[in-house]
């Protein structure tokens, strides 16, 4: 590697809008983020699958209306 062309690597304090803080490495000294693993729905297990469920029901209803009945 060439000397004096790379940015400094710092131990960085990351602060989330939920109040959670942790340390990581970065070229910046302090970072502020909106979502972290402590408050993201995927990591907390509070995902909303009901919205997709309603769309599946709507699709099935449309499909049943269009299907011809066999006698």
PDB file of N, CA and C in Angstrom:
ATOM      1  N   UNK A   1       0.839  -1.188   0.000  1.00  0.00           N
ATOM      2  CA  UNK A   1       0.000   0.000   0.000  1.00  0.00           C
ATOM      3  C   UNK A   1       0.878   1.243   0.000  1.00  0.00           C
ATOM      4  N   UNK A   2       0.376   2.261  -0.659  1.00  0.00           N
ATOM      5  CA  UNK A   2       1.110   3.522  -0.669  1.00  0.00           C
ATOM      6  C   UNK A   2       0.901   4.245   0.655  1.00  0.00           C
ATOM      7  N   UNK A   3       1.934   4.858   1.183  1.00  0.00           N
ATOM      8  CA  UNK A   3       1.772   5.589   2.451  1.00  0.00           C
ATOM      9  C   UNK A   3       1.065   6.929   2.237  1.00  0.00           C
ATOM     10  N   UNK A   4       0.354   7.354   3.265  1.00  0.00           N
ATOM     11  CA  UNK A   4      -0.274   8.678   3.351  1.00  0.00           C
ATOM     12  C   UNK A   4      -1.385   8.923   2.326  1.00  0.00           C
ATOM     13  N   UNK A   5      -2.018   7.866   1.788  1.00  0.00           N
ATOM     14  CA  UNK A   5      -3.159   8.108   0.889  1.00  0.00           C
ATOM     15  C   UNK A   5      -4.461   7.551   1.467  1.00  0.00           C
ATOM     16  N   UNK A   6      -4.364   6.757   2.526  1.00  0.00           N
ATOM     17  CA  UNK A   6      -5.550   6.144   3.100  1.00  0.00           C
ATOM     18  C   UNK A   6      -6.041   6.962   4.296  1.00  0.00           C
ATOM     19  N   UNK A   7      -7.363   7.048   4.492  1.00  0.00           N
ATOM     20  CA  UNK A   7      -7.881   7.788   5.652  1.00  0.00           C
ATOM     21  C   UNK A   7      -7.592   7.039   6.955  1.00  0.00           C
ATOM     22  N   UNK A   8      -7.585   7.781   8.040  1.00  0.00           N
ATOM     23  CA  UNK A   8      -7.342   7.178   9.351  1.00  0.00           C
ATOM     24  C   UNK A   8      -8.527   6.301   9.742  1.00  0.00           C
ATOM     25  N   UNK A   9      -8.218   5.193  10.381  1.00  0.00           N
ATOM     26  CA  UNK A   9      -9.233   4.264  10.869  1.00  0.00           C
ATOM     27  C   UNK A   9      -9.381   4.508  12.359  1.00  0.00           C
ATOM     28  N   UNK A  10     -10.592   4.909  12.794  1.00  0.00           N
ATOM     29  CA  UNK A  10     -10.840   5.282  14.185  1.00  0.00           C
ATOM     30  C   UNK A  10     -11.807   4.308  14.839  1.00  0.00           C
ATOM     31  N   UNK A  11     -11.730   4.212  16.152  1.00  0.00           N
ATOM     32  CA  UNK A  11     -12.771   3.546  16.922  1.00  0.00           C
ATOM     33  C   UNK A  11     -13.901   4.559  17.029  1.00  0.00           C
ATOM     34  N   UNK A  12     -15.085   4.180  16.548  1.00  0.00           N
ATOM     35  CA  UNK A  12     -16.195   5.108  16.392  1.00  0.00           C
ATOM     36  C   UNK A  12     -17.332   4.768  17.339  1.00  0.00           C
ATOM     37  N   UNK A  13     -17.944   5.790  17.920  1.00  0.00           N
ATOM     38  CA  UNK A  13     -19.149   5.623  18.719  1.00  0.00           C
ATOM     39  C   UNK A  13     -20.351   5.815  17.810  1.00  0.00           C
ATOM     40  N   UNK A  14     -21.206   4.806  17.739  1.00  0.00           N
ATOM     41  CA  UNK A  14     -22.420   4.873  16.927  1.00  0.00           C
ATOM     42  C   UNK A  14     -23.594   5.072  17.868  1.00  0.00           C
ATOM     43  N   UNK A  15     -24.416   6.107  17.601  1.00  0.00           N
ATOM     44  CA  UNK A  15     -25.578   6.409  18.413  1.00  0.00           C
ATOM     45  C   UNK A  15     -26.826   6.297  17.555  1.00  0.00           C
ATOM     46  N   UNK A  16     -27.776   5.497  17.999  1.00  0.00           N
ATOM     47  CA  UNK A  16     -29.033   5.303  17.272  1.00  0.00           C
ATOM     48  C   UNK A  16     -30.082   6.266  17.827  1.00  0.00           C
ATOM     49  N   UNK A  17     -31.104   6.526  17.028  1.00  0.00           N
ATOM     50  CA  UNK A  17     -32.175   7.412  17.481  1.00  0.00           C
ATOM     51  C   UNK A  17     -32.984   6.786  18.616  1.00  0.00           C
ATOM     52  N   UNK A  18     -32.904   5.452  18.787  1.00  0.00           N
ATOM     53  CA  UNK A  18     -33.603   4.799  19.897  1.00  0.00           C
ATOM     54  C   UNK A  18     -32.846   4.953  21.212  1.00  0.00           C
ATOM     55  N   UNK A  19     -31.599   5.442  21.146  1.00  0.00           N
ATOM     56  CA  UNK A  19     -30.804   5.640  22.350  1.00  0.00           C
ATOM     57  C   UNK A  19     -29.709   4.604  22.534  1.00  0.00           C
ATOM     58  N   UNK A  20     -29.704   3.585  21.729  1.00  0.00           N
ATOM     59  CA  UNK A  20     -28.686   2.540  21.819  1.00  0.00           C
ATOM     60  C   UNK A  20     -27.355   3.059  21.286  1.00  0.00           C
ATOM     61  N   UNK A  21     -26.253   2.659  21.918  1.00  0.00           N
ATOM     62  CA  UNK A  21     -24.920   3.050  21.461  1.00  0.00           C
ATOM     63  C   UNK A  21     -24.022   1.821  21.424  1.00  0.00           C
ATOM     64  N   UNK A  22     -23.088   1.822  20.495  1.00  0.00           N
ATOM     65  CA  UNK A  22     -22.084   0.772  20.412  1.00  0.00           C
ATOM     66  C   UNK A  22     -20.867   1.322  19.699  1.00  0.00           C
ATOM     67  N   UNK A  23     -19.778   0.583  19.757  1.00  0.00           N
ATOM     68  CA  UNK A  23     -18.536   1.018  19.126  1.00  0.00           C
ATOM     69  C   UNK A  23     -18.209   0.118  17.945  1.00  0.00           C
ATOM     70  N   UNK A  24     -17.642   0.728  16.919  1.00  0.00           N
ATOM     71  CA  UNK A  24     -17.193   0.014  15.730  1.00  0.00           C
ATOM     72  C   UNK A  24     -16.033   0.774  15.128  1.00  0.00           C
ATOM     73  N   UNK A  25     -15.516   0.322  14.030  1.00  0.00           N
ATOM     74  CA  UNK A  25     -14.437   1.022  13.356  1.00  0.00           C
ATOM     75  C   UNK A  25     -14.948   1.772  12.143  1.00  0.00           C
ATOM     76  N   UNK A  26     -14.439   2.977  11.919  1.00  0.00           N
ATOM     77  CA  UNK A  26     -14.857   3.790  10.782  1.00  0.00           C
ATOM     78  C   UNK A  26     -13.829   4.886  10.546  1.00  0.00           C
ATOM     79  N   UNK A  27     -13.983   5.580   9.423  1.00  0.00           N
ATOM     80  CA  UNK A  27     -13.121   6.723   9.148  1.00  0.00           C
ATOM     81  C   UNK A  27     -13.656   7.978   9.817  1.00  0.00           C
ATOM     82  N   UNK A  28     -14.900   7.931  10.294  1.00  0.00           N
ATOM     83  CA  UNK A  28     -15.485   9.057  11.014  1.00  0.00           C
ATOM     84  C   UNK A  28     -15.395   8.797  12.509  1.00  0.00           C
ATOM     85  N   UNK A  29     -15.402   9.860  13.304  1.00  0.00           N
ATOM     86  CA  UNK A  29     -15.258   9.693  14.749  1.00  0.00           C
ATOM     87  C   UNK A  29     -16.566   9.359  15.441  1.00  0.00           C
ATOM     88  N   UNK A  30     -17.673   9.970  15.034  1.00  0.00           N
ATOM     89  CA  UNK A  30     -18.985   9.713  15.628  1.00  0.00           C
ATOM     90  C   UNK A  30     -20.008   9.533  14.517  1.00  0.00           C
ATOM     91  N   UNK A  31     -20.887   8.572  14.689  1.00  0.00           N
ATOM     92  CA  UNK A  31     -21.949   8.323  13.721  1.00  0.00           C
ATOM     93  C   UNK A  31     -23.291   8.351  14.424  1.00  0.00           C
ATOM     94  N   UNK A  32     -24.281   8.896  13.756  1.00  0.00           N
ATOM     95  CA  UNK A  32     -25.661   8.867  14.239  1.00  0.00           C
ATOM     96  C   UNK A  32     -26.495   8.144  13.193  1.00  0.00           C
ATOM     97  N   UNK A  33     -27.230   7.123  13.627  1.00  0.00           N
ATOM     98  CA  UNK A  33     -28.047   6.334  12.715  1.00  0.00           C
ATOM     99  C   UNK A  33     -29.497   6.357  13.177  1.00  0.00           C
ATOM    100  N   UNK A  34     -30.407   6.072  12.255  1.00  0.00           N
ATOM    101  CA  UNK A  34     -31.833   6.058  12.591  1.00  0.00           C
ATOM    102  C   UNK A  34     -32.292   4.695  13.079  1.00  0.00           C
ATOM    103  N   UNK A  35     -31.698   3.629  12.551  1.00  0.00           N
ATOM    104  CA  UNK A  35     -32.111   2.275  12.915  1.00  0.00           C
ATOM    105  C   UNK A  35     -30.871   1.435  13.183  1.00  0.00           C
ATOM    106  N   UNK A  36     -30.935   0.643  14.242  1.00  0.00           N
ATOM    107  CA  UNK A  36     -29.845  -0.269  14.574  1.00  0.00           C
ATOM    108  C   UNK A  36     -30.432  -1.653  14.843  1.00  0.00           C
ATOM    109  N   UNK A  37     -29.592  -2.606  15.197  1.00  0.00           N
ATOM    110  CA  UNK A  37     -30.084  -3.960  15.448  1.00  0.00           C
ATOM    111  C   UNK A  37     -30.949  -4.041  16.709  1.00  0.00           C
ATOM    112  N   UNK A  38     -30.861  -3.061  17.579  1.00  0.00           N
ATOM    113  CA  UNK A  38     -31.664  -3.071  18.800  1.00  0.00           C
ATOM    114  C   UNK A  38     -33.113  -2.646  18.549  1.00  0.00           C
ATOM    115  N   UNK A  39     -33.365  -1.891  17.459  1.00  0.00           N
ATOM    116  CA  UNK A  39     -34.719  -1.407  17.226  1.00  0.00           C
ATOM    117  C   UNK A  39     -35.287  -1.798  15.857  1.00  0.00           C
ATOM    118  N   UNK A  40     -34.512  -2.463  15.013  1.00  0.00           N
ATOM    119  CA  UNK A  40     -35.001  -2.858  13.694  1.00  0.00           C
ATOM    120  C   UNK A  40     -35.969  -4.039  13.835  1.00  0.00           C
ATOM    121  N   UNK A  41     -37.118  -3.997  13.159  1.00  0.00           N
ATOM    122  CA  UNK A  41     -38.114  -5.069  13.306  1.00  0.00           C
ATOM    123  C   UNK A  41     -37.595  -6.464  12.961  1.00  0.00           C
ATOM    124  N   UNK A  42     -36.684  -6.586  12.024  1.00  0.00           N
ATOM    125  CA  UNK A  42     -36.163  -7.904  11.666  1.00  0.00           C
ATOM    126  C   UNK A  42     -35.421  -8.531  12.840  1.00  0.00           C
ATOM    127  N   UNK A  43     -34.635  -7.754  13.553  1.00  0.00           N
ATOM    128  CA  UNK A  43     -33.846  -8.278  14.658  1.00  0.00           C
ATOM    129  C   UNK A  43     -34.649  -8.416  15.941  1.00  0.00           C
ATOM    130  N   UNK A  44     -35.672  -7.588  16.129  1.00  0.00           N
ATOM    131  CA  UNK A  44     -36.464  -7.662  17.353  1.00  0.00           C
ATOM    132  C   UNK A  44     -37.564  -8.698  17.265  1.00  0.00           C
ATOM    133  N   UNK A  45     -37.876  -9.182  16.066  1.00  0.00           N
ATOM    134  CA  UNK A  45     -38.919 -10.187  15.891  1.00  0.00           C
ATOM    135  C   UNK A  45     -40.313  -9.606  15.841  1.00  0.00           C
ATOM    136  N   UNK A  46     -40.441  -8.321  15.607  1.00  0.00           N
ATOM    137  CA  UNK A  46     -41.739  -7.671  15.572  1.00  0.00           C
ATOM    138  C   UNK A  46     -42.139  -7.317  14.148  1.00  0.00           C
ATOM    139  N   UNK A  47     -41.822  -8.215  13.199  1.00  0.00           N
ATOM    140  CA  UNK A  47     -42.183  -7.962  11.812  1.00  0.00           C
ATOM    141  C   UNK A  47     -43.685  -8.079  11.639  1.00  0.00           C
ATOM    142  N   UNK A  48     -44.200  -7.336  10.682  1.00  0.00           N
ATOM    143  CA  UNK A  48     -45.621  -7.387  10.386  1.00  0.00           C
ATOM    144  C   UNK A  48     -45.829  -8.202   9.115  1.00  0.00           C
ATOM    145  N   UNK A  49     -46.299  -9.418   9.270  1.00  0.00           N
ATOM    146  CA  UNK A  49     -46.563 -10.276   8.122  1.00  0.00           C
ATOM    147  C   UNK A  49     -48.034 -10.196   7.727  1.00  0.00           C
ATOM    148  N   UNK A  50     -48.849  -9.511   8.507  1.00  0.00           N
ATOM    149  CA  UNK A  50     -50.282  -9.459   8.235  1.00  0.00           C
ATOM    150  C   UNK A  50     -50.596  -8.666   6.968  1.00  0.00           C
ATOM    151  N   UNK A  51     -49.776  -7.703   6.603  1.00  0.00           N
ATOM    152  CA  UNK A  51     -50.026  -6.929   5.389  1.00  0.00           C
ATOM    153  C   UNK A  51     -49.927  -7.820   4.170  1.00  0.00           C
ATOM    154  N   UNK A  52     -48.949  -8.692   4.119  1.00  0.00           N
ATOM    155  CA  UNK A  52     -48.802  -9.615   2.989  1.00  0.00           C
ATOM    156  C   UNK A  52     -49.915 -10.636   3.004  1.00  0.00           C
ATOM    157  N   UNK A  53     -50.373 -11.027   4.170  1.00  0.00           N
ATOM    158  CA  UNK A  53     -51.442 -12.009   4.279  1.00  0.00           C
ATOM    159  C   UNK A  53     -52.724 -11.482   3.639  1.00  0.00           C
ATOM    160  N   UNK A  54     -53.033 -10.238   3.841  1.00  0.00           N
ATOM    161  CA  UNK A  54     -54.225  -9.644   3.239  1.00  0.00           C
ATOM    162  C   UNK A  54     -54.138  -9.600   1.730  1.00  0.00           C
ATOM    163  N   UNK A  55     -52.962  -9.370   1.188  1.00  0.00           N
ATOM    164  CA  UNK A  55     -52.785  -9.340  -0.260  1.00  0.00           C
ATOM    165  C   UNK A  55     -52.963 -10.726  -0.854  1.00  0.00           C
ATOM    166  N   UNK A  56     -52.536 -11.757  -0.158  1.00  0.00           N
ATOM    167  CA  UNK A  56     -52.716 -13.126  -0.643  1.00  0.00           C
ATOM    168  C   UNK A  56     -54.200 -13.468  -0.691  1.00  0.00           C
ATOM    169  N   UNK A  57     -54.936 -13.063   0.337  1.00  0.00           N
ATOM    170  CA  UNK A  57     -56.380 -13.324   0.354  1.00  0.00           C
ATOM    171  C   UNK A  57     -57.078 -12.614  -0.796  1.00  0.00           C
ATOM    172  N   UNK A  58     -56.703 -11.374  -1.083  1.00  0.00           N
ATOM    173  CA  UNK A  58     -57.299 -10.647  -2.203  1.00  0.00           C
ATOM    174  C   UNK A  58     -57.023 -11.356  -3.522  1.00  0.00           C
ATOM    175  N   UNK A  59     -55.798 -11.836  -3.699  1.00  0.00           N
ATOM    176  CA  UNK A  59     -55.447 -12.549  -4.926  1.00  0.00           C
ATOM    177  C   UNK A  59     -56.283 -13.817  -5.071  1.00  0.00           C
ATOM    178  N   UNK A  60     -56.416 -14.569  -3.992  1.00  0.00           N
ATOM    179  CA  UNK A  60     -57.198 -15.803  -4.050  1.00  0.00           C
ATOM    180  C   UNK A  60     -58.668 -15.522  -4.356  1.00  0.00           C
ATOM    181  N   UNK A  61     -59.213 -14.451  -3.833  1.00  0.00           N
ATOM    182  CA  UNK A  61     -60.598 -14.091  -4.129  1.00  0.00           C
ATOM    183  C   UNK A  61     -60.759 -13.743  -5.602  1.00  0.00           C
ATOM    184  N   UNK A  62     -59.833 -12.988  -6.171  1.00  0.00           N
ATOM    185  CA  UNK A  62     -59.898 -12.656  -7.596  1.00  0.00           C
ATOM    186  C   UNK A  62     -59.770 -13.904  -8.446  1.00  0.00           C
ATOM    187  N   UNK A  63     -58.889 -14.795  -8.042  1.00  0.00           N
ATOM    188  CA  UNK A  63     -58.674 -16.035  -8.779  1.00  0.00           C
ATOM    189  C   UNK A  63     -59.929 -16.900  -8.772  1.00  0.00           C
ATOM    190  N   UNK A  64     -60.595 -16.958  -7.626  1.00  0.00           N
ATOM    191  CA  UNK A  64     -61.824 -17.771  -7.518  1.00  0.00           C
ATOM    192  C   UNK A  64     -62.967 -17.176  -8.328  1.00  0.00           C
ATOM    193  N   UNK A  65     -63.034 -15.871  -8.472  1.00  0.00           N
ATOM    194  CA  UNK A  65     -64.082 -15.228  -9.259  1.00  0.00           C
ATOM    195  C   UNK A  65     -63.909 -15.531 -10.752  1.00  0.00           C
ATOM    196  N   UNK A  66     -62.680 -15.592 -11.216  1.00  0.00           N
ATOM    197  CA  UNK A  66     -62.420 -15.765 -12.645  1.00  0.00           C
ATOM    198  C   UNK A  66     -62.445 -17.228 -13.074  1.00  0.00           C
ATOM    199  N   UNK A  67     -62.260 -18.152 -12.153  1.00  0.00           N
ATOM    200  CA  UNK A  67     -62.195 -19.562 -12.516  1.00  0.00           C
ATOM    201  C   UNK A  67     -63.589 -20.048 -12.923  1.00  0.00           C
ATOM    202  N   UNK A  68     -63.707 -20.690 -14.104  1.00  0.00           N
ATOM    203  CA  UNK A  68     -65.003 -21.218 -14.516  1.00  0.00           C
ATOM    204  C   UNK A  68     -65.354 -22.440 -13.682  1.00  0.00           C
ATOM    205  N   UNK A  69     -66.623 -22.592 -13.405  1.00  0.00           N
ATOM    206  CA  UNK A  69     -67.078 -23.736 -12.622  1.00  0.00           C
ATOM    207  C   UNK A  69     -67.269 -24.936 -13.525  1.00  0.00           C
ATOM    208  N   UNK A  70     -66.870 -26.091 -13.071  1.00  0.00           N
ATOM    209  CA  UNK A  70     -67.015 -27.334 -13.839  1.00  0.00           C
ATOM    210  C   UNK A  70     -68.276 -28.053 -13.375  1.00  0.00           C
ATOM    211  N   UNK A  71     -69.081 -28.509 -14.320  1.00  0.00           N
ATOM    212  CA  UNK A  71     -70.314 -29.210 -13.966  1.00  0.00           C
ATOM    213  C   UNK A  71     -70.233 -30.671 -14.288  1.00  0.00           C
TER     214      UNK A  71
END
